[in-house]
Amino acid sequence: MERRQRVTVSRTKDDRFDQKLLETRRVTRVVAGGKRMSFRVVMVIGDHAGTVGIGVAKGKDVQQAIAKSLFQARKHMIKVPLVGDTIPHEIIAKHSSAQIILKPARKGHGLIAGGAARIVLSFAGVKDVTAKLLGRTPNKLTNAMATMKALEKLRALKESTPKV
């Protein structure tokens, strides 16, 4: 039996980009008076048509962190060169201890990826690709950043121009 990942998507203010909360963590900072709690939020936004961004931010409460991370995601958006519903060529990228391999696939193959990479690729609008996360890190942020680096490294295939 095939497992499906349930993705809850909500629209942003301008209704152009979908957004997804990838991770929420409670982090602490030790100061003279004791420990100060805050929240770190990782958000992914995209239009499912070649534009995607990741934002990471901290705040005193979760809502403040979400607002900040959405702002960061909009600031760090990239345009992904797509060939139909897939990527133009195979690519390998690394961020920290996470490494990812993305391979283009034929039409109808589907999005074969796991975890954070699947979310980032779907928000970028890639429908047919095979992805493999290497490095064995369970950190969603690191895996998502490795996927973003791979998408940034992609180059559009040049159209062959006839020589006159």
N, C-alpha and C. Protein backbone atom coordinates (compact mmCIF):
# COMPACT_ATOMS: atom_id res chain seq x y z
N MET A 1 0.84 -1.18 0.00
CA MET A 1 0.00 0.00 0.00
C MET A 1 0.89 1.24 0.00
N GLU A 2 0.52 2.21 -0.78
CA GLU A 2 1.31 3.42 -0.93
C GLU A 2 0.94 4.45 0.13
N ARG A 3 1.98 5.03 0.75
CA ARG A 3 1.75 6.07 1.75
C ARG A 3 1.74 7.43 1.09
N ARG A 4 0.79 8.23 1.42
CA ARG A 4 0.71 9.58 0.89
C ARG A 4 0.97 10.57 2.01
N GLN A 5 1.75 11.60 1.69
CA GLN A 5 2.03 12.63 2.69
C GLN A 5 0.94 13.68 2.60
N ARG A 6 0.36 14.00 3.72
CA ARG A 6 -0.70 15.00 3.77
C ARG A 6 -0.06 16.37 3.85
N VAL A 7 -0.37 17.23 2.90
CA VAL A 7 0.20 18.56 2.84
C VAL A 7 -0.92 19.56 3.03
N THR A 8 -0.81 20.36 4.09
CA THR A 8 -1.78 21.43 4.29
C THR A 8 -1.16 22.71 3.75
N VAL A 9 -1.87 23.33 2.86
CA VAL A 9 -1.38 24.51 2.18
C VAL A 9 -2.31 25.66 2.47
N SER A 10 -1.74 26.82 2.75
CA SER A 10 -2.57 28.00 2.93
C SER A 10 -2.04 29.10 2.01
N ARG A 11 -2.90 29.99 1.66
CA ARG A 11 -2.53 31.07 0.74
C ARG A 11 -2.03 32.28 1.52
N THR A 12 -1.08 33.01 0.89
CA THR A 12 -0.57 34.23 1.49
C THR A 12 -1.49 35.39 1.13
N LYS A 13 -1.13 36.59 1.58
CA LYS A 13 -2.00 37.75 1.42
C LYS A 13 -2.35 38.05 -0.03
N ASP A 14 -1.33 38.02 -0.94
CA ASP A 14 -1.61 38.38 -2.33
C ASP A 14 -2.18 37.22 -3.14
N ASP A 15 -2.37 36.05 -2.50
CA ASP A 15 -3.03 34.89 -3.10
C ASP A 15 -2.28 34.33 -4.30
N ARG A 16 -1.01 34.71 -4.47
CA ARG A 16 -0.23 34.19 -5.59
C ARG A 16 0.64 33.01 -5.17
N PHE A 17 1.13 33.05 -3.94
CA PHE A 17 2.03 32.01 -3.45
C PHE A 17 1.35 31.15 -2.39
N ASP A 18 1.57 29.84 -2.48
CA ASP A 18 1.16 28.94 -1.41
C ASP A 18 2.26 28.93 -0.36
N GLN A 19 1.91 28.61 0.86
CA GLN A 19 2.91 28.57 1.93
C GLN A 19 2.71 27.32 2.76
N LYS A 20 3.80 26.81 3.31
CA LYS A 20 3.73 25.62 4.16
C LYS A 20 4.73 25.77 5.28
N LEU A 21 4.28 25.48 6.48
CA LEU A 21 5.14 25.48 7.65
C LEU A 21 5.93 24.17 7.63
N LEU A 22 7.22 24.25 7.40
CA LEU A 22 8.05 23.06 7.29
C LEU A 22 8.49 22.56 8.66
N GLU A 23 8.83 23.48 9.56
CA GLU A 23 9.31 23.06 10.87
C GLU A 23 9.15 24.19 11.89
N THR A 24 8.82 23.81 13.11
CA THR A 24 8.78 24.74 14.24
C THR A 24 9.60 24.13 15.36
N ARG A 25 10.51 24.91 15.91
CA ARG A 25 11.33 24.43 17.02
C ARG A 25 11.36 25.46 18.14
N ARG A 26 11.32 24.96 19.37
CA ARG A 26 11.50 25.85 20.51
C ARG A 26 12.98 25.86 20.84
N VAL A 27 13.58 27.04 20.80
CA VAL A 27 15.01 27.17 21.07
C VAL A 27 15.20 28.01 22.33
N THR A 28 16.29 27.79 23.04
CA THR A 28 16.55 28.54 24.27
C THR A 28 17.90 29.21 24.19
N ARG A 29 18.01 30.31 24.88
CA ARG A 29 19.25 31.06 24.99
C ARG A 29 19.50 31.29 26.47
N VAL A 30 20.70 30.98 26.91
CA VAL A 30 21.01 31.14 28.33
C VAL A 30 21.58 32.54 28.55
N VAL A 31 20.94 33.27 29.47
CA VAL A 31 21.37 34.62 29.84
C VAL A 31 21.60 34.65 31.35
N ALA A 32 22.01 35.78 31.84
CA ALA A 32 22.36 35.92 33.26
C ALA A 32 21.19 35.54 34.18
N GLY A 33 19.96 35.88 33.79
CA GLY A 33 18.81 35.60 34.65
C GLY A 33 18.22 34.22 34.47
N GLY A 34 18.74 33.43 33.56
CA GLY A 34 18.18 32.09 33.31
C GLY A 34 18.11 31.80 31.82
N LYS A 35 17.05 31.13 31.42
CA LYS A 35 16.89 30.76 30.01
C LYS A 35 15.80 31.58 29.35
N ARG A 36 16.04 32.01 28.12
CA ARG A 36 15.04 32.73 27.34
C ARG A 36 14.57 31.83 26.21
N MET A 37 13.29 31.59 26.16
CA MET A 37 12.69 30.74 25.13
C MET A 37 12.29 31.58 23.92
N SER A 38 12.48 31.02 22.74
CA SER A 38 11.97 31.61 21.51
C SER A 38 11.65 30.47 20.55
N PHE A 39 11.05 30.80 19.41
CA PHE A 39 10.64 29.80 18.44
C PHE A 39 11.33 30.06 17.11
N ARG A 40 11.82 28.98 16.48
CA ARG A 40 12.39 29.07 15.14
C ARG A 40 11.43 28.39 14.18
N VAL A 41 11.11 29.09 13.09
CA VAL A 41 10.16 28.59 12.12
C VAL A 41 10.82 28.56 10.75
N VAL A 42 10.57 27.47 10.01
CA VAL A 42 11.03 27.34 8.63
C VAL A 42 9.80 27.27 7.75
N MET A 43 9.67 28.21 6.81
CA MET A 43 8.52 28.28 5.90
C MET A 43 8.99 28.11 4.46
N VAL A 44 8.17 27.44 3.66
CA VAL A 44 8.41 27.30 2.23
C VAL A 44 7.25 27.97 1.52
N ILE A 45 7.55 28.83 0.53
CA ILE A 45 6.50 29.43 -0.28
C ILE A 45 6.83 29.20 -1.75
N GLY A 46 5.79 29.10 -2.57
CA GLY A 46 5.99 28.91 -3.99
C GLY A 46 4.69 29.05 -4.75
N ASP A 47 4.83 29.17 -6.08
CA ASP A 47 3.64 29.34 -6.91
C ASP A 47 3.34 28.11 -7.77
N HIS A 48 4.06 27.01 -7.57
CA HIS A 48 3.89 25.76 -8.31
C HIS A 48 4.12 25.98 -9.80
N ALA A 49 4.85 27.04 -10.17
CA ALA A 49 5.11 27.32 -11.58
C ALA A 49 6.55 27.77 -11.81
N GLY A 50 7.46 27.40 -10.92
CA GLY A 50 8.88 27.72 -11.14
C GLY A 50 9.47 28.71 -10.16
N THR A 51 8.72 29.19 -9.19
CA THR A 51 9.24 30.13 -8.21
C THR A 51 9.07 29.53 -6.82
N VAL A 52 10.16 29.53 -6.03
CA VAL A 52 10.11 28.95 -4.69
C VAL A 52 11.07 29.71 -3.78
N GLY A 53 10.77 29.73 -2.48
CA GLY A 53 11.63 30.39 -1.50
C GLY A 53 11.50 29.74 -0.14
N ILE A 54 12.59 29.82 0.64
CA ILE A 54 12.60 29.30 2.00
C ILE A 54 12.96 30.44 2.93
N GLY A 55 12.23 30.53 4.05
CA GLY A 55 12.51 31.55 5.05
C GLY A 55 12.68 30.92 6.42
N VAL A 56 13.69 31.40 7.15
CA VAL A 56 13.98 30.92 8.50
C VAL A 56 14.02 32.14 9.40
N ALA A 57 13.27 32.10 10.51
CA ALA A 57 13.26 33.24 11.43
C ALA A 57 12.90 32.79 12.83
N LYS A 58 13.30 33.61 13.80
CA LYS A 58 12.97 33.35 15.21
C LYS A 58 12.10 34.47 15.74
N GLY A 59 11.28 34.13 16.73
CA GLY A 59 10.44 35.13 17.36
C GLY A 59 10.04 34.69 18.75
N LYS A 60 9.53 35.64 19.54
CA LYS A 60 9.10 35.34 20.91
C LYS A 60 7.94 34.36 20.94
N ASP A 61 7.05 34.47 19.93
CA ASP A 61 5.96 33.50 19.82
C ASP A 61 5.92 32.98 18.39
N VAL A 62 5.12 31.96 18.16
CA VAL A 62 5.11 31.29 16.87
C VAL A 62 4.60 32.20 15.76
N GLN A 63 3.56 32.98 16.03
CA GLN A 63 2.98 33.87 15.01
C GLN A 63 3.99 34.91 14.53
N GLN A 64 4.76 35.46 15.46
CA GLN A 64 5.79 36.44 15.10
C GLN A 64 6.87 35.77 14.24
N ALA A 65 7.26 34.57 14.60
CA ALA A 65 8.27 33.84 13.84
C ALA A 65 7.77 33.50 12.44
N ILE A 66 6.49 33.15 12.32
CA ILE A 66 5.91 32.83 11.01
C ILE A 66 5.92 34.07 10.12
N ALA A 67 5.51 35.20 10.66
CA ALA A 67 5.50 36.44 9.88
C ALA A 67 6.90 36.80 9.39
N LYS A 68 7.88 36.68 10.28
CA LYS A 68 9.27 36.99 9.91
C LYS A 68 9.79 36.02 8.85
N SER A 69 9.47 34.74 9.01
CA SER A 69 9.98 33.75 8.06
C SER A 69 9.33 33.91 6.68
N LEU A 70 8.07 34.33 6.63
CA LEU A 70 7.43 34.60 5.34
C LEU A 70 8.12 35.76 4.64
N PHE A 71 8.49 36.78 5.39
CA PHE A 71 9.22 37.92 4.83
C PHE A 71 10.56 37.45 4.27
N GLN A 72 11.27 36.60 5.03
CA GLN A 72 12.56 36.08 4.58
C GLN A 72 12.40 35.20 3.33
N ALA A 73 11.35 34.40 3.29
CA ALA A 73 11.11 33.53 2.14
C ALA A 73 10.88 34.35 0.87
N ARG A 74 10.11 35.43 1.00
CA ARG A 74 9.87 36.30 -0.16
C ARG A 74 11.17 36.94 -0.62
N LYS A 75 12.03 37.29 0.33
CA LYS A 75 13.31 37.92 0.00
C LYS A 75 14.26 36.97 -0.73
N HIS A 76 14.20 35.68 -0.39
CA HIS A 76 15.15 34.71 -0.94
C HIS A 76 14.52 33.77 -1.96
N MET A 77 13.58 34.28 -2.76
CA MET A 77 12.94 33.45 -3.77
C MET A 77 13.85 33.28 -4.98
N ILE A 78 13.74 32.09 -5.61
CA ILE A 78 14.51 31.83 -6.82
C ILE A 78 13.56 31.37 -7.92
N LYS A 79 13.99 31.54 -9.16
CA LYS A 79 13.25 31.07 -10.33
C LYS A 79 13.92 29.80 -10.81
N VAL A 80 13.15 28.73 -10.96
CA VAL A 80 13.67 27.43 -11.36
C VAL A 80 13.41 27.22 -12.84
N PRO A 81 14.46 26.93 -13.63
CA PRO A 81 14.23 26.65 -15.05
C PRO A 81 13.63 25.26 -15.23
N LEU A 82 12.42 25.19 -15.75
CA LEU A 82 11.74 23.92 -15.94
C LEU A 82 11.65 23.58 -17.42
N VAL A 83 11.71 22.29 -17.72
CA VAL A 83 11.49 21.79 -19.08
C VAL A 83 10.23 20.93 -18.99
N GLY A 84 9.11 21.51 -19.34
CA GLY A 84 7.83 20.84 -19.12
C GLY A 84 7.55 20.78 -17.63
N ASP A 85 7.46 19.56 -17.10
CA ASP A 85 7.21 19.39 -15.67
C ASP A 85 8.43 18.83 -14.93
N THR A 86 9.59 18.85 -15.57
CA THR A 86 10.79 18.29 -14.97
C THR A 86 11.93 19.30 -15.02
N ILE A 87 13.11 18.89 -14.53
CA ILE A 87 14.28 19.76 -14.52
C ILE A 87 15.10 19.50 -15.78
N PRO A 88 15.93 20.46 -16.20
CA PRO A 88 16.66 20.30 -17.46
C PRO A 88 17.78 19.25 -17.44
N HIS A 89 18.41 19.02 -16.29
CA HIS A 89 19.53 18.09 -16.24
C HIS A 89 19.73 17.57 -14.82
N GLU A 90 20.55 16.55 -14.68
CA GLU A 90 20.86 15.98 -13.37
C GLU A 90 21.76 16.94 -12.60
N ILE A 91 21.59 16.97 -11.28
CA ILE A 91 22.37 17.89 -10.45
C ILE A 91 22.62 17.27 -9.08
N ILE A 92 23.78 17.59 -8.50
CA ILE A 92 24.12 17.18 -7.14
C ILE A 92 24.46 18.45 -6.37
N ALA A 93 23.93 18.58 -5.17
CA ALA A 93 24.22 19.75 -4.34
C ALA A 93 24.38 19.32 -2.89
N LYS A 94 25.12 20.14 -2.13
CA LYS A 94 25.39 19.84 -0.73
C LYS A 94 25.22 21.10 0.10
N HIS A 95 24.61 20.94 1.25
CA HIS A 95 24.51 22.02 2.23
C HIS A 95 24.75 21.39 3.59
N SER A 96 25.78 21.83 4.28
CA SER A 96 26.16 21.28 5.57
C SER A 96 26.39 19.78 5.42
N SER A 97 25.65 18.95 6.15
CA SER A 97 25.85 17.51 6.05
C SER A 97 24.84 16.84 5.12
N ALA A 98 23.95 17.61 4.52
CA ALA A 98 22.94 17.05 3.63
C ALA A 98 23.41 17.16 2.18
N GLN A 99 23.23 16.08 1.44
CA GLN A 99 23.56 16.07 0.02
C GLN A 99 22.35 15.53 -0.72
N ILE A 100 22.08 16.08 -1.90
CA ILE A 100 20.91 15.66 -2.67
C ILE A 100 21.30 15.47 -4.13
N ILE A 101 20.68 14.46 -4.73
CA ILE A 101 20.82 14.22 -6.16
C ILE A 101 19.44 14.36 -6.77
N LEU A 102 19.32 15.21 -7.80
CA LEU A 102 18.07 15.38 -8.53
C LEU A 102 18.26 14.89 -9.96
N LYS A 103 17.36 14.02 -10.43
CA LYS A 103 17.44 13.49 -11.79
C LYS A 103 16.13 13.77 -12.50
N PRO A 104 16.20 14.27 -13.74
CA PRO A 104 14.96 14.49 -14.49
C PRO A 104 14.28 13.17 -14.82
N ALA A 105 12.98 13.21 -14.99
CA ALA A 105 12.21 12.00 -15.29
C ALA A 105 11.23 12.28 -16.41
N ARG A 106 10.76 11.20 -17.04
CA ARG A 106 9.83 11.33 -18.14
C ARG A 106 8.46 11.80 -17.62
N LYS A 107 7.63 12.27 -18.53
CA LYS A 107 6.31 12.77 -18.17
C LYS A 107 5.46 11.64 -17.58
N GLY A 108 4.80 11.90 -16.47
CA GLY A 108 3.97 10.92 -15.82
C GLY A 108 4.68 10.09 -14.76
N HIS A 109 5.98 10.26 -14.62
CA HIS A 109 6.77 9.50 -13.65
C HIS A 109 6.39 9.86 -12.22
N GLY A 110 6.18 11.14 -11.99
CA GLY A 110 5.79 11.61 -10.66
C GLY A 110 6.97 12.19 -9.89
N LEU A 111 6.66 12.76 -8.76
CA LEU A 111 7.66 13.38 -7.88
C LEU A 111 8.09 12.32 -6.87
N ILE A 112 9.27 11.76 -7.09
CA ILE A 112 9.80 10.73 -6.20
C ILE A 112 10.86 11.40 -5.33
N ALA A 113 10.46 11.81 -4.15
CA ALA A 113 11.35 12.48 -3.21
C ALA A 113 10.75 12.33 -1.83
N GLY A 114 11.57 12.53 -0.82
CA GLY A 114 11.09 12.37 0.53
C GLY A 114 11.31 13.60 1.38
N GLY A 115 10.49 13.73 2.40
CA GLY A 115 10.67 14.77 3.41
C GLY A 115 10.61 16.18 2.89
N ALA A 116 11.58 16.98 3.33
CA ALA A 116 11.60 18.41 2.99
C ALA A 116 11.84 18.62 1.50
N ALA A 117 12.60 17.75 0.87
CA ALA A 117 12.88 17.89 -0.57
C ALA A 117 11.59 17.81 -1.38
N ARG A 118 10.70 16.92 -0.99
CA ARG A 118 9.42 16.76 -1.71
C ARG A 118 8.60 18.04 -1.64
N ILE A 119 8.56 18.66 -0.49
CA ILE A 119 7.78 19.88 -0.32
C ILE A 119 8.37 21.02 -1.15
N VAL A 120 9.69 21.19 -1.09
CA VAL A 120 10.34 22.27 -1.84
C VAL A 120 10.14 22.06 -3.35
N LEU A 121 10.33 20.84 -3.82
CA LEU A 121 10.19 20.56 -5.25
C LEU A 121 8.74 20.75 -5.72
N SER A 122 7.78 20.34 -4.92
CA SER A 122 6.38 20.51 -5.33
C SER A 122 6.00 21.99 -5.36
N PHE A 123 6.49 22.77 -4.43
CA PHE A 123 6.20 24.21 -4.42
C PHE A 123 6.90 24.93 -5.56
N ALA A 124 8.00 24.34 -6.07
CA ALA A 124 8.69 24.91 -7.22
C ALA A 124 7.98 24.57 -8.53
N GLY A 125 7.06 23.60 -8.49
CA GLY A 125 6.31 23.24 -9.69
C GLY A 125 6.91 22.06 -10.44
N VAL A 126 7.86 21.36 -9.84
CA VAL A 126 8.46 20.18 -10.48
C VAL A 126 7.53 19.00 -10.21
N LYS A 127 7.04 18.38 -11.29
CA LYS A 127 6.10 17.27 -11.12
C LYS A 127 6.73 15.91 -11.42
N ASP A 128 7.76 15.88 -12.27
CA ASP A 128 8.40 14.62 -12.66
C ASP A 128 9.89 14.70 -12.38
N VAL A 129 10.32 14.11 -11.28
CA VAL A 129 11.74 14.11 -10.92
C VAL A 129 11.98 12.99 -9.91
N THR A 130 13.21 12.50 -9.89
CA THR A 130 13.63 11.54 -8.88
C THR A 130 14.69 12.23 -8.03
N ALA A 131 14.51 12.22 -6.71
CA ALA A 131 15.46 12.87 -5.81
C ALA A 131 15.89 11.89 -4.74
N LYS A 132 17.15 11.96 -4.37
CA LYS A 132 17.67 11.11 -3.30
C LYS A 132 18.47 11.98 -2.35
N LEU A 133 18.05 11.97 -1.09
CA LEU A 133 18.79 12.69 -0.05
C LEU A 133 19.86 11.77 0.51
N LEU A 134 21.09 12.23 0.51
CA LEU A 134 22.21 11.48 1.06
C LEU A 134 22.70 12.21 2.31
N GLY A 135 23.48 11.58 3.12
CA GLY A 135 24.02 12.25 4.29
C GLY A 135 23.34 11.85 5.58
N ARG A 136 22.16 11.25 5.48
CA ARG A 136 21.46 10.72 6.66
C ARG A 136 21.22 11.75 7.76
N THR A 137 20.95 12.99 7.41
CA THR A 137 20.62 13.97 8.44
C THR A 137 19.10 14.11 8.53
N PRO A 138 18.54 14.06 9.73
CA PRO A 138 17.10 14.21 9.89
C PRO A 138 16.66 15.68 9.93
N ASN A 139 17.61 16.60 9.82
CA ASN A 139 17.33 18.02 9.93
C ASN A 139 16.59 18.51 8.68
N LYS A 140 15.33 18.91 8.84
CA LYS A 140 14.51 19.35 7.71
C LYS A 140 15.05 20.62 7.07
N LEU A 141 15.56 21.53 7.88
CA LEU A 141 16.10 22.78 7.35
C LEU A 141 17.31 22.51 6.46
N THR A 142 18.23 21.67 6.90
CA THR A 142 19.42 21.35 6.12
C THR A 142 19.04 20.65 4.82
N ASN A 143 18.10 19.73 4.87
CA ASN A 143 17.65 19.04 3.66
C ASN A 143 16.97 20.00 2.68
N ALA A 144 16.16 20.90 3.20
CA ALA A 144 15.49 21.88 2.35
C ALA A 144 16.49 22.83 1.71
N MET A 145 17.50 23.25 2.47
CA MET A 145 18.51 24.15 1.93
C MET A 145 19.36 23.46 0.86
N ALA A 146 19.65 22.18 1.03
CA ALA A 146 20.38 21.43 0.01
C ALA A 146 19.56 21.36 -1.28
N THR A 147 18.25 21.16 -1.15
CA THR A 147 17.37 21.13 -2.31
C THR A 147 17.34 22.49 -3.01
N MET A 148 17.29 23.56 -2.23
CA MET A 148 17.31 24.91 -2.81
C MET A 148 18.62 25.17 -3.56
N LYS A 149 19.74 24.72 -2.98
CA LYS A 149 21.03 24.90 -3.66
C LYS A 149 21.06 24.16 -4.99
N ALA A 150 20.49 22.96 -5.00
CA ALA A 150 20.43 22.19 -6.24
C ALA A 150 19.59 22.92 -7.29
N LEU A 151 18.45 23.47 -6.87
CA LEU A 151 17.59 24.19 -7.80
C LEU A 151 18.26 25.47 -8.30
N GLU A 152 19.05 26.12 -7.44
CA GLU A 152 19.78 27.33 -7.85
C GLU A 152 20.84 27.01 -8.89
N LYS A 153 21.46 25.83 -8.78
CA LYS A 153 22.54 25.45 -9.70
C LYS A 153 22.05 25.02 -11.07
N LEU A 154 20.74 24.77 -11.21
CA LEU A 154 20.19 24.35 -12.49
C LEU A 154 20.34 25.46 -13.53
N ARG A 155 20.66 25.05 -14.75
CA ARG A 155 20.77 26.00 -15.86
C ARG A 155 19.82 25.56 -16.97
N ALA A 156 19.18 26.51 -17.60
CA ALA A 156 18.25 26.21 -18.68
C ALA A 156 19.03 25.69 -19.88
N LEU A 157 18.43 24.72 -20.57
CA LEU A 157 19.06 24.20 -21.78
C LEU A 157 18.96 25.25 -22.88
N LYS A 158 20.07 25.49 -23.56
CA LYS A 158 20.10 26.49 -24.63
C LYS A 158 19.41 25.91 -25.87
N GLU A 159 18.67 26.77 -26.53
CA GLU A 159 18.06 26.37 -27.79
C GLU A 159 19.16 26.39 -28.85
N SER A 160 19.20 25.36 -29.66
CA SER A 160 20.22 25.33 -30.71
C SER A 160 19.80 26.24 -31.83
N THR A 161 20.65 27.21 -32.15
CA THR A 161 20.33 28.17 -33.19
C THR A 161 21.03 27.75 -34.47
N PRO A 162 20.32 27.75 -35.59
CA PRO A 162 20.95 27.36 -36.85
C PRO A 162 21.98 28.40 -37.27
N LYS A 163 23.12 27.93 -37.76
CA LYS A 163 24.18 28.84 -38.20
C LYS A 163 23.88 29.25 -39.63
N VAL A 164 23.97 30.55 -39.88
CA VAL A 164 23.69 31.08 -41.22
C VAL A 164 24.95 31.36 -41.96
